N, C-alpha and C. Protein backbone atom coordinates (compact mmCIF):
# COMPACT_ATOMS: atom_id res chain seq x y z
N MET A 1 0.87 -1.16 -0.05
CA MET A 1 -0.02 -0.04 0.01
C MET A 1 0.81 1.21 -0.07
N GLY A 2 0.57 2.15 -0.81
CA GLY A 2 1.35 3.39 -1.01
C GLY A 2 0.98 4.51 0.08
N LYS A 3 1.83 5.32 0.15
CA LYS A 3 1.59 6.44 1.13
C LYS A 3 0.64 7.41 0.44
N PRO A 4 -0.26 7.99 1.30
CA PRO A 4 -1.19 8.98 0.64
C PRO A 4 -0.41 10.24 0.37
N GLN A 5 -0.84 10.93 -0.77
CA GLN A 5 -0.09 12.11 -1.12
C GLN A 5 -0.47 13.27 -0.22
N ARG A 6 0.59 13.91 0.22
CA ARG A 6 0.52 15.04 1.15
C ARG A 6 0.44 16.37 0.32
N ILE A 7 -0.33 17.30 0.73
CA ILE A 7 -0.54 18.58 0.09
C ILE A 7 -0.07 19.62 1.10
N PRO A 8 0.86 20.50 0.70
CA PRO A 8 1.41 21.50 1.60
C PRO A 8 0.25 22.49 1.89
N VAL A 9 0.21 22.99 3.24
CA VAL A 9 -0.70 24.00 3.74
C VAL A 9 -0.68 25.28 2.88
N ASP A 10 0.50 25.59 2.45
CA ASP A 10 0.63 26.91 1.71
C ASP A 10 -0.12 26.79 0.41
N ALA A 11 -0.05 25.63 -0.26
CA ALA A 11 -0.84 25.39 -1.46
C ALA A 11 -2.38 25.40 -1.25
N ILE A 12 -2.77 24.94 -0.14
CA ILE A 12 -4.18 24.90 0.18
C ILE A 12 -4.66 26.41 0.44
N GLN A 13 -3.88 27.19 1.22
CA GLN A 13 -4.21 28.47 1.45
C GLN A 13 -4.24 29.36 0.14
N ALA A 14 -3.34 29.12 -0.72
CA ALA A 14 -3.36 29.81 -2.05
C ALA A 14 -4.55 29.50 -2.78
N MET A 15 -4.87 28.14 -2.83
CA MET A 15 -6.13 27.80 -3.51
C MET A 15 -7.36 28.46 -2.94
N LYS A 16 -7.53 28.59 -1.68
CA LYS A 16 -8.48 29.22 -1.01
C LYS A 16 -8.70 30.64 -1.51
N LYS A 17 -7.59 31.41 -1.62
CA LYS A 17 -7.64 32.76 -2.18
C LYS A 17 -8.15 32.77 -3.56
N ILE A 18 -7.59 31.89 -4.38
CA ILE A 18 -8.07 31.81 -5.84
C ILE A 18 -9.47 31.47 -5.96
N LEU A 19 -9.99 30.57 -5.17
CA LEU A 19 -11.47 30.18 -5.21
C LEU A 19 -12.31 31.29 -4.70
N ASP A 20 -11.90 32.00 -3.69
CA ASP A 20 -12.69 33.10 -3.16
C ASP A 20 -12.80 34.32 -4.11
N ALA A 21 -11.73 34.40 -4.97
CA ALA A 21 -11.60 35.49 -5.86
C ALA A 21 -12.40 35.33 -7.15
N LEU A 22 -12.95 34.05 -7.36
CA LEU A 22 -13.68 33.77 -8.63
C LEU A 22 -14.96 34.60 -8.75
N PRO A 23 -15.22 35.12 -9.93
CA PRO A 23 -16.41 36.02 -10.09
C PRO A 23 -17.68 35.14 -10.18
N ASP A 24 -18.77 35.68 -9.83
CA ASP A 24 -20.00 34.89 -9.83
C ASP A 24 -20.50 34.82 -11.23
N LYS A 25 -20.68 33.53 -11.67
CA LYS A 25 -21.11 33.24 -13.10
C LYS A 25 -22.65 33.24 -13.23
N ASN A 26 -23.35 33.21 -12.07
CA ASN A 26 -24.81 33.04 -12.12
C ASN A 26 -25.42 34.48 -11.77
N LEU A 27 -25.25 35.44 -12.69
CA LEU A 27 -25.64 36.73 -12.45
C LEU A 27 -27.07 37.07 -12.91
N ASP A 28 -27.62 36.16 -13.75
CA ASP A 28 -28.91 36.33 -14.32
C ASP A 28 -29.97 35.70 -13.32
N LYS A 29 -31.15 36.37 -13.32
CA LYS A 29 -32.17 35.90 -12.43
C LYS A 29 -33.48 35.58 -13.30
N THR A 30 -34.41 34.78 -12.76
CA THR A 30 -35.59 34.51 -13.50
C THR A 30 -36.47 35.67 -13.21
N LYS A 31 -37.64 35.76 -13.94
CA LYS A 31 -38.51 36.91 -13.69
C LYS A 31 -39.11 36.78 -12.21
N GLU A 32 -39.39 35.55 -11.69
CA GLU A 32 -39.94 35.47 -10.39
C GLU A 32 -38.90 35.94 -9.38
N GLU A 33 -37.58 35.56 -9.62
CA GLU A 33 -36.51 36.16 -8.68
C GLU A 33 -36.35 37.61 -8.78
N ALA A 34 -36.46 38.15 -9.99
CA ALA A 34 -36.36 39.52 -10.20
C ALA A 34 -37.47 40.31 -9.47
N LEU A 35 -38.69 39.80 -9.65
CA LEU A 35 -39.83 40.43 -8.95
C LEU A 35 -39.69 40.30 -7.45
N ALA A 36 -39.15 39.16 -6.92
CA ALA A 36 -39.08 39.11 -5.53
C ALA A 36 -38.01 40.11 -5.00
N MET A 37 -36.97 40.40 -5.78
CA MET A 37 -35.96 41.33 -5.31
C MET A 37 -36.51 42.71 -5.37
N LEU A 38 -37.43 42.97 -6.40
CA LEU A 38 -38.04 44.37 -6.54
C LEU A 38 -39.32 44.53 -5.83
N ASN A 39 -39.73 43.55 -5.05
CA ASN A 39 -41.14 43.58 -4.44
C ASN A 39 -41.34 44.79 -3.65
N GLY A 40 -40.32 45.20 -2.77
CA GLY A 40 -40.55 46.38 -1.96
C GLY A 40 -40.81 47.62 -2.75
N GLN A 41 -39.94 47.80 -3.78
CA GLN A 41 -40.07 48.99 -4.57
C GLN A 41 -41.43 49.01 -5.33
N ILE A 42 -41.84 47.78 -5.79
CA ILE A 42 -43.06 47.72 -6.62
C ILE A 42 -44.22 48.00 -5.71
N GLN A 43 -44.29 47.49 -4.44
CA GLN A 43 -45.35 47.84 -3.46
C GLN A 43 -45.45 49.39 -3.16
N ARG A 44 -44.27 50.01 -3.04
CA ARG A 44 -44.29 51.45 -2.98
C ARG A 44 -44.88 52.13 -4.16
N ALA A 45 -44.55 51.58 -5.35
CA ALA A 45 -45.10 52.21 -6.56
C ALA A 45 -46.67 52.04 -6.59
N TYR A 46 -47.14 50.87 -6.07
CA TYR A 46 -48.53 50.63 -5.96
C TYR A 46 -49.14 51.78 -5.03
N SER A 47 -48.57 51.96 -3.97
CA SER A 47 -49.09 52.87 -2.97
C SER A 47 -49.08 54.22 -3.42
N LYS A 48 -48.23 54.54 -4.53
CA LYS A 48 -48.16 55.84 -5.08
C LYS A 48 -49.17 56.07 -6.13
N GLY A 49 -49.99 55.01 -6.40
CA GLY A 49 -51.09 55.08 -7.49
C GLY A 49 -50.78 54.43 -8.83
N TYR A 50 -49.63 53.87 -9.04
CA TYR A 50 -49.36 53.22 -10.33
C TYR A 50 -50.09 52.01 -10.53
N THR A 51 -50.55 51.67 -11.70
CA THR A 51 -51.31 50.46 -11.97
C THR A 51 -50.35 49.37 -12.38
N VAL A 52 -50.88 48.22 -12.50
CA VAL A 52 -50.03 47.09 -12.86
C VAL A 52 -49.47 47.26 -14.40
N LYS A 53 -50.40 47.73 -15.23
CA LYS A 53 -49.95 47.88 -16.50
C LYS A 53 -48.89 48.95 -16.66
N GLU A 54 -48.94 50.04 -15.93
CA GLU A 54 -47.87 51.03 -15.99
C GLU A 54 -46.61 50.54 -15.45
N LEU A 55 -46.80 49.78 -14.29
CA LEU A 55 -45.41 49.22 -13.79
C LEU A 55 -44.83 48.13 -14.67
N ALA A 56 -45.66 47.40 -15.38
CA ALA A 56 -45.12 46.43 -16.29
C ALA A 56 -44.44 47.12 -17.41
N ALA A 57 -44.93 48.19 -17.91
CA ALA A 57 -44.22 49.05 -18.96
C ALA A 57 -42.95 49.63 -18.47
N ILE A 58 -42.96 50.13 -17.32
CA ILE A 58 -41.77 50.68 -16.69
C ILE A 58 -40.70 49.60 -16.50
N LEU A 59 -41.03 48.41 -15.99
CA LEU A 59 -40.09 47.40 -15.88
C LEU A 59 -39.55 46.97 -17.23
N SER A 60 -40.49 46.90 -18.26
CA SER A 60 -40.04 46.43 -19.56
C SER A 60 -38.97 47.42 -20.16
N GLU A 61 -39.19 48.69 -19.92
CA GLU A 61 -38.22 49.64 -20.39
C GLU A 61 -36.89 49.54 -19.73
N GLY A 62 -36.89 49.09 -18.47
CA GLY A 62 -35.71 48.86 -17.69
C GLY A 62 -35.03 47.43 -17.89
N LYS A 63 -35.41 46.80 -18.92
CA LYS A 63 -34.93 45.51 -19.30
C LYS A 63 -35.31 44.41 -18.39
N VAL A 64 -36.37 44.55 -17.62
CA VAL A 64 -37.00 43.48 -16.80
C VAL A 64 -38.36 43.27 -17.44
N ALA A 65 -38.35 42.58 -18.46
CA ALA A 65 -39.56 42.33 -19.35
C ALA A 65 -40.51 41.45 -18.58
N VAL A 66 -41.57 41.97 -18.02
CA VAL A 66 -42.57 41.20 -17.29
C VAL A 66 -43.98 41.63 -17.80
N SER A 67 -44.76 40.63 -18.09
CA SER A 67 -46.13 40.99 -18.49
C SER A 67 -47.04 41.41 -17.24
N SER A 68 -48.10 42.12 -17.50
CA SER A 68 -48.99 42.55 -16.45
C SER A 68 -49.51 41.43 -15.58
N PRO A 69 -50.02 40.30 -16.18
CA PRO A 69 -50.51 39.15 -15.41
C PRO A 69 -49.41 38.54 -14.60
N THR A 70 -48.27 38.42 -14.98
CA THR A 70 -47.14 37.93 -14.24
C THR A 70 -46.83 38.85 -13.13
N LEU A 71 -46.78 40.07 -13.34
CA LEU A 71 -46.55 41.09 -12.30
C LEU A 71 -47.66 41.02 -11.22
N ARG A 72 -48.87 40.95 -11.72
CA ARG A 72 -50.02 40.98 -10.76
C ARG A 72 -49.86 39.63 -9.91
N ALA A 73 -49.51 38.53 -10.44
CA ALA A 73 -49.60 37.30 -9.77
C ALA A 73 -48.47 37.19 -8.72
N HIS A 74 -47.28 37.84 -8.99
CA HIS A 74 -46.21 37.72 -7.97
C HIS A 74 -46.14 38.96 -6.99
N THR A 75 -46.81 40.04 -7.29
CA THR A 75 -46.59 41.20 -6.50
C THR A 75 -47.88 41.69 -5.73
N CYS A 76 -49.10 41.53 -6.40
CA CYS A 76 -50.29 41.97 -5.79
C CYS A 76 -50.71 40.99 -4.57
N PRO A 77 -51.09 41.62 -3.53
CA PRO A 77 -51.60 40.81 -2.48
C PRO A 77 -52.83 40.03 -2.97
N SER A 78 -52.86 38.71 -2.64
CA SER A 78 -53.88 37.91 -3.07
C SER A 78 -55.08 38.16 -2.33
N SER A 79 -56.15 38.49 -3.00
CA SER A 79 -57.48 38.58 -2.40
C SER A 79 -58.06 37.27 -2.08
N PRO A 80 -58.92 37.13 -1.04
CA PRO A 80 -59.56 35.87 -0.73
C PRO A 80 -60.54 35.53 -1.78
N LYS A 81 -60.26 34.46 -2.42
CA LYS A 81 -61.16 33.96 -3.44
C LYS A 81 -62.20 33.12 -2.89
N ALA A 82 -63.42 33.21 -3.59
CA ALA A 82 -64.51 32.31 -3.14
C ALA A 82 -64.19 30.94 -3.60
N ARG A 83 -64.27 29.97 -2.77
CA ARG A 83 -64.01 28.65 -3.08
C ARG A 83 -65.19 28.04 -3.83
N LYS A 84 -64.82 27.34 -4.83
CA LYS A 84 -65.79 26.75 -5.70
C LYS A 84 -66.37 25.50 -5.02
N VAL A 85 -67.73 25.46 -4.99
CA VAL A 85 -68.39 24.25 -4.37
C VAL A 85 -68.51 23.15 -5.48
N LYS A 86 -68.17 22.03 -5.08
CA LYS A 86 -68.37 20.83 -6.07
C LYS A 86 -69.89 20.75 -6.41
N PRO A 87 -70.18 20.38 -7.59
CA PRO A 87 -71.60 20.12 -7.94
C PRO A 87 -72.41 19.25 -7.03
N GLU A 88 -71.64 18.16 -6.59
CA GLU A 88 -72.39 17.22 -5.66
C GLU A 88 -72.72 17.80 -4.37
N ALA A 89 -71.80 18.69 -3.78
CA ALA A 89 -72.09 19.25 -2.54
C ALA A 89 -73.21 20.29 -2.69
N ALA A 90 -73.22 21.07 -3.80
CA ALA A 90 -74.24 22.01 -4.07
C ALA A 90 -75.57 21.37 -4.16
N ALA A 91 -75.64 20.19 -4.84
CA ALA A 91 -76.93 19.51 -5.04
C ALA A 91 -77.45 18.94 -3.72
N GLN A 92 -76.50 18.56 -2.77
CA GLN A 92 -76.96 18.16 -1.43
C GLN A 92 -77.40 19.22 -0.63
N LYS A 93 -76.94 20.35 -0.73
CA LYS A 93 -77.34 21.45 -0.02
C LYS A 93 -78.80 21.91 -0.41
N THR A 94 -79.02 21.90 -1.70
CA THR A 94 -80.35 22.31 -2.15
C THR A 94 -81.40 21.25 -2.02
N ALA A 95 -80.92 19.98 -2.07
CA ALA A 95 -81.93 18.85 -1.86
C ALA A 95 -82.22 18.58 -0.35
N ALA A 96 -81.46 19.02 0.59
CA ALA A 96 -81.72 18.77 1.98
C ALA A 96 -82.79 19.75 2.39
N PRO A 97 -83.81 19.22 3.07
CA PRO A 97 -84.89 20.13 3.58
C PRO A 97 -84.43 21.07 4.66
N PRO A 98 -84.80 22.38 4.66
CA PRO A 98 -84.36 23.20 5.71
C PRO A 98 -84.79 22.79 7.05
N GLN A 99 -83.83 22.96 8.01
CA GLN A 99 -84.09 22.66 9.41
C GLN A 99 -85.10 23.58 9.96
N THR A 100 -86.18 23.01 10.64
CA THR A 100 -87.18 23.90 11.30
C THR A 100 -87.17 23.68 12.70
N GLU A 101 -87.79 24.50 13.46
CA GLU A 101 -87.92 24.32 14.89
C GLU A 101 -88.74 23.07 15.25
N THR A 102 -89.64 22.72 14.42
CA THR A 102 -90.46 21.43 14.70
C THR A 102 -89.80 20.20 14.43
N ALA A 103 -88.58 20.21 13.85
CA ALA A 103 -87.94 18.94 13.54
C ALA A 103 -87.45 18.41 14.97
N LYS A 104 -87.67 17.08 15.15
CA LYS A 104 -87.26 16.39 16.38
C LYS A 104 -85.83 15.93 16.34
N PRO A 105 -85.16 16.01 17.40
CA PRO A 105 -83.78 15.48 17.38
C PRO A 105 -83.88 13.95 17.36
N GLU A 106 -82.77 13.37 16.93
CA GLU A 106 -82.83 11.89 16.83
C GLU A 106 -82.91 11.30 18.26
N THR A 107 -83.75 10.24 18.35
CA THR A 107 -83.88 9.51 19.62
C THR A 107 -83.27 8.29 19.63
N PRO A 108 -83.18 7.53 20.80
CA PRO A 108 -82.51 6.26 20.81
C PRO A 108 -83.30 5.23 19.95
N SER A 109 -84.61 5.44 19.68
CA SER A 109 -85.33 4.43 18.92
C SER A 109 -84.86 4.50 17.40
N ALA A 110 -84.23 5.63 17.03
CA ALA A 110 -83.77 5.70 15.69
C ALA A 110 -82.44 4.79 15.51
N ALA A 111 -81.88 4.22 16.58
CA ALA A 111 -80.60 3.54 16.45
C ALA A 111 -80.71 2.29 15.63
N PRO A 112 -81.88 1.52 15.72
CA PRO A 112 -81.96 0.26 14.81
C PRO A 112 -82.06 0.67 13.44
N ALA A 113 -82.60 1.83 13.04
CA ALA A 113 -82.64 2.16 11.60
C ALA A 113 -81.22 2.56 11.16
N GLN A 114 -80.50 3.17 12.03
CA GLN A 114 -79.11 3.50 11.62
C GLN A 114 -78.26 2.14 11.53
N ARG A 115 -78.48 1.21 12.22
CA ARG A 115 -77.72 0.02 12.14
C ARG A 115 -78.08 -0.75 10.88
N ALA A 116 -79.40 -0.66 10.43
CA ALA A 116 -79.78 -1.23 9.21
C ALA A 116 -79.10 -0.55 8.05
N GLU A 117 -78.90 0.78 8.19
CA GLU A 117 -78.23 1.53 7.05
C GLU A 117 -76.81 1.11 7.00
N ARG A 118 -76.13 0.80 8.25
CA ARG A 118 -74.80 0.45 8.10
C ARG A 118 -74.54 -0.91 7.50
N LYS A 119 -75.55 -1.81 7.48
CA LYS A 119 -75.44 -3.15 6.84
C LYS A 119 -75.20 -2.94 5.33
N ASN A 120 -75.79 -1.85 4.77
CA ASN A 120 -75.63 -1.62 3.31
C ASN A 120 -74.40 -0.89 2.93
N MET A 121 -73.62 -0.46 3.90
CA MET A 121 -72.37 0.26 3.71
C MET A 121 -71.21 -0.71 3.25
N PRO A 122 -70.31 -0.26 2.45
CA PRO A 122 -69.20 -1.18 2.12
C PRO A 122 -68.34 -1.46 3.29
N SER A 123 -67.69 -2.64 3.17
CA SER A 123 -66.91 -3.17 4.31
C SER A 123 -65.72 -2.29 4.79
N TYR A 124 -65.20 -1.57 3.75
CA TYR A 124 -64.01 -0.74 4.15
C TYR A 124 -64.50 0.68 4.77
N TYR A 125 -65.65 0.99 4.88
CA TYR A 125 -66.16 2.16 5.55
C TYR A 125 -66.52 1.88 7.00
N THR A 126 -65.83 2.65 7.86
CA THR A 126 -66.07 2.53 9.31
C THR A 126 -66.48 3.84 9.83
N PRO A 127 -67.67 4.08 10.06
CA PRO A 127 -68.05 5.41 10.60
C PRO A 127 -67.72 5.61 12.02
N ASP A 128 -67.64 6.81 12.42
CA ASP A 128 -67.35 7.10 13.80
C ASP A 128 -68.55 6.84 14.70
N LEU A 129 -68.48 5.99 15.64
CA LEU A 129 -69.60 5.59 16.45
C LEU A 129 -69.48 6.27 17.86
N PRO A 130 -70.53 6.69 18.44
CA PRO A 130 -70.56 7.23 19.75
C PRO A 130 -70.16 6.10 20.71
N ASP A 131 -69.72 6.47 21.90
CA ASP A 131 -69.31 5.49 22.84
C ASP A 131 -70.44 4.63 23.32
N SER A 132 -71.72 5.23 23.29
CA SER A 132 -72.69 4.43 23.79
C SER A 132 -73.07 3.18 22.92
N GLU A 133 -72.67 3.24 21.59
CA GLU A 133 -72.97 2.15 20.72
C GLU A 133 -71.88 1.09 20.67
N LEU A 134 -70.72 1.40 21.16
CA LEU A 134 -69.59 0.44 21.19
C LEU A 134 -69.69 -0.69 22.19
């Protein structure tokens, strides 16, 4: 077995200096990264009354070519959007009779009917049972 090659500490220190002095080759940024870097200035421009289209034009003149929709998506605060209801859930809401004060709460006599319904359920379905039925 041969001896491992030894490297002088002076050579390692010289290499550290050379590697630290290397210029950054990754100077370009994506549109998203550029908008993240400019977000503070863009928000101040919004507060000054500039529109998304005006800011997109200003950024494009300054060699940061960004469309209005991209600018809006990455810099405008997101407004709470209404969640879309699935058609099945919407149909269930409209089909269910409205609860009235005359409706009786479930009584223990309804338990046999519930058990009969469970017999028709698939085997992989395990509903959450109250402690009294366990």
